[in-house]
C-alpha atoms as a PDB file:
ATOM      1  CA  MET A   1      90.533 109.127 110.637  1.00  0.00           C
ATOM      2  CA  GLU A   2      89.084 106.624 108.527  1.00  0.00           C
ATOM      3  CA  GLN A   3      88.575 103.169 110.055  1.00  0.00           C
ATOM      4  CA  ILE A   4      89.350  99.819 108.372  1.00  0.00           C
ATOM      5  CA  ASP A   5      87.227  96.688 107.713  1.00  0.00           C
ATOM      6  CA  PRO A   6      89.761  93.746 107.783  1.00  0.00           C
ATOM      7  CA  LEU A   7      86.482  92.073 106.145  1.00  0.00           C
ATOM      8  CA  GLU A   8      85.407  95.460 103.298  1.00  0.00           C
ATOM      9  CA  ASP A   9      86.114  94.523 100.276  1.00  0.00           C
ATOM     10  CA  LEU A  10      88.542  96.897  98.508  1.00  0.00           C
ATOM     11  CA  ASN A  11      87.830  96.560  95.044  1.00  0.00           C
ATOM     12  CA  LYS A  12      84.326  97.155  95.058  1.00  0.00           C
ATOM     13  CA  VAL A  13      84.208 100.537  96.892  1.00  0.00           C
ATOM     14  CA  ASP A  14      84.745 103.706  94.504  1.00  0.00           C
ATOM     15  CA  GLU A  15      87.818 105.757  93.971  1.00  0.00           C
ATOM     16  CA  GLU A  16      87.612 108.254  96.427  1.00  0.00           C
ATOM     17  CA  THR A  17      86.854 105.807  99.225  1.00  0.00           C
ATOM     18  CA  LEU A  18      89.685 103.537  98.180  1.00  0.00           C
ATOM     19  CA  GLN A  19      92.085 106.630  98.290  1.00  0.00           C
ATOM     20  CA  ARG A  20      90.686 107.431 101.692  1.00  0.00           C
ATOM     21  CA  LYS A  21      91.191 103.616 103.589  1.00  0.00           C
ATOM     22  CA  LYS A  22      94.902 103.555 101.760  1.00  0.00           C
ATOM     23  CA  ALA A  23      95.656 107.309 102.917  1.00  0.00           C
ATOM     24  CA  ALA A  24      94.182 105.984 106.168  1.00  0.00           C
ATOM     25  CA  MET A  25      96.326 102.191 106.508  1.00  0.00           C
ATOM     26  CA  GLN A  26      99.726 104.345 105.226  1.00  0.00           C
ATOM     27  CA  GLU A  27      99.305 106.414 108.254  1.00  0.00           C
ATOM     28  CA  GLN A  28      98.991 103.405 110.941  1.00  0.00           C
ATOM     29  CA  PHE A  29     101.928 102.308 109.288  1.00  0.00           C
ATOM     30  CA  GLU A  30     103.581 104.834 109.299  1.00  0.00           C
ATOM     31  CA  LYS A  31     103.001 105.437 112.902  1.00  0.00           C
ATOM     32  CA  HIS A  32     103.430 101.669 113.744  1.00  0.00           C
ATOM     33  CA  GLN A  33     106.805 101.859 111.738  1.00  0.00           C
ATOM     34  CA  LEU A  34     110.562 101.411 113.396  1.00  0.00           C
ATOM     35  CA  LYS A  35     113.092 103.353 112.035  1.00  0.00           C
ATOM     36  CA  PRO A  36     117.161 103.749 112.344  1.00  0.00           C
ATOM     37  CA  GLY A  37     117.843 104.919 115.291  1.00  0.00           C
ATOM     38  CA  ASP A  38     114.748 104.164 117.191  1.00  0.00           C
ATOM     39  CA  PRO A  39     114.220 101.739 120.441  1.00  0.00           C
ATOM     40  CA  GLY A  40     114.220  98.827 119.312  1.00  0.00           C
ATOM     41  CA  TYR A  41     115.243  99.364 115.714  1.00  0.00           C
ATOM     42  CA  ILE A  42     117.650  95.646 114.064  1.00  0.00           C
ATOM     43  CA  TYR A  43     118.496  96.456 110.524  1.00  0.00           C
ATOM     44  CA  ASP A  44     118.298  93.321 108.170  1.00  0.00           C
ATOM     45  CA  LYS A  45     116.476  91.755 110.694  1.00  0.00           C
ATOM     46  CA  GLU A  46     115.169  87.922 110.210  1.00  0.00           C
ATOM     47  CA  VAL A  47     112.777  86.213 111.277  1.00  0.00           C
ATOM     48  CA  ASP A  48     112.244  82.581 111.251  1.00  0.00           C
ATOM     49  CA  PHE A  49     108.694  81.014 111.316  1.00  0.00           C
ATOM     50  CA  SER A  50     109.526  77.646 111.255  1.00  0.00           C
ATOM     51  CA  ALA A  51     109.693  77.686 115.403  1.00  0.00           C
ATOM     52  CA  ASP A  52     105.960  78.435 115.411  1.00  0.00           C
ATOM     53  CA  ALA A  53     105.192  74.453 114.338  1.00  0.00           C
ATOM     54  CA  GLY A  54     101.924  74.222 116.369  1.00  0.00           C
ATOM     55  CA  THR A  55     100.099  76.117 114.244  1.00  0.00           C
ATOM     56  CA  VAL A  56     100.483  75.147 110.195  1.00  0.00           C
ATOM     57  CA  GLU A  57      97.928  74.475 109.457  1.00  0.00           C
ATOM     58  CA  HIS A  58      97.376  70.856 106.776  1.00  0.00           C
ATOM     59  CA  CYS A  59      96.149  72.652 103.022  1.00  0.00           C
ATOM     60  CA  GLU A  60      94.246  69.881 101.032  1.00  0.00           C
ATOM     61  CA  TRP A  61      95.721  71.361  97.294  1.00  0.00           C
ATOM     62  CA  ASP A  62      99.382  71.013  98.432  1.00  0.00           C
ATOM     63  CA  SER A  63      99.000  67.263  99.373  1.00  0.00           C
ATOM     64  CA  GLU A  64     101.537  64.667  98.278  1.00  0.00           C
ATOM     65  CA  ASP A  65      98.622  62.712  97.333  1.00  0.00           C
ATOM     66  CA  ASP A  66      98.275  64.777  94.490  1.00  0.00           C
ATOM     67  CA  GLN A  67      97.053  61.648  91.365  1.00  0.00           C
ATOM     68  CA  SER A  68      96.175  64.446  88.355  1.00  0.00           C
ATOM     69  CA  GLY A  69      99.847  63.338  86.725  1.00  0.00           C
ATOM     70  CA  PHE A  70     101.104  66.857  86.404  1.00  0.00           C
END
């Protein structure tokens, strides 16, 4: 199976390599995908990510101190 390097820029690879990487990613997705009838499958599962407030990162571009006048 094709190795997927998360740091590799797939915008810079040739078309054949890109298709191989996409096929490998699709294979991994389908391998881990839960379908109706599978143990642990939940229809319309909703996840509340706000409960994990300890991992919130502050972003400078999203600050209230913007004085640009927009």
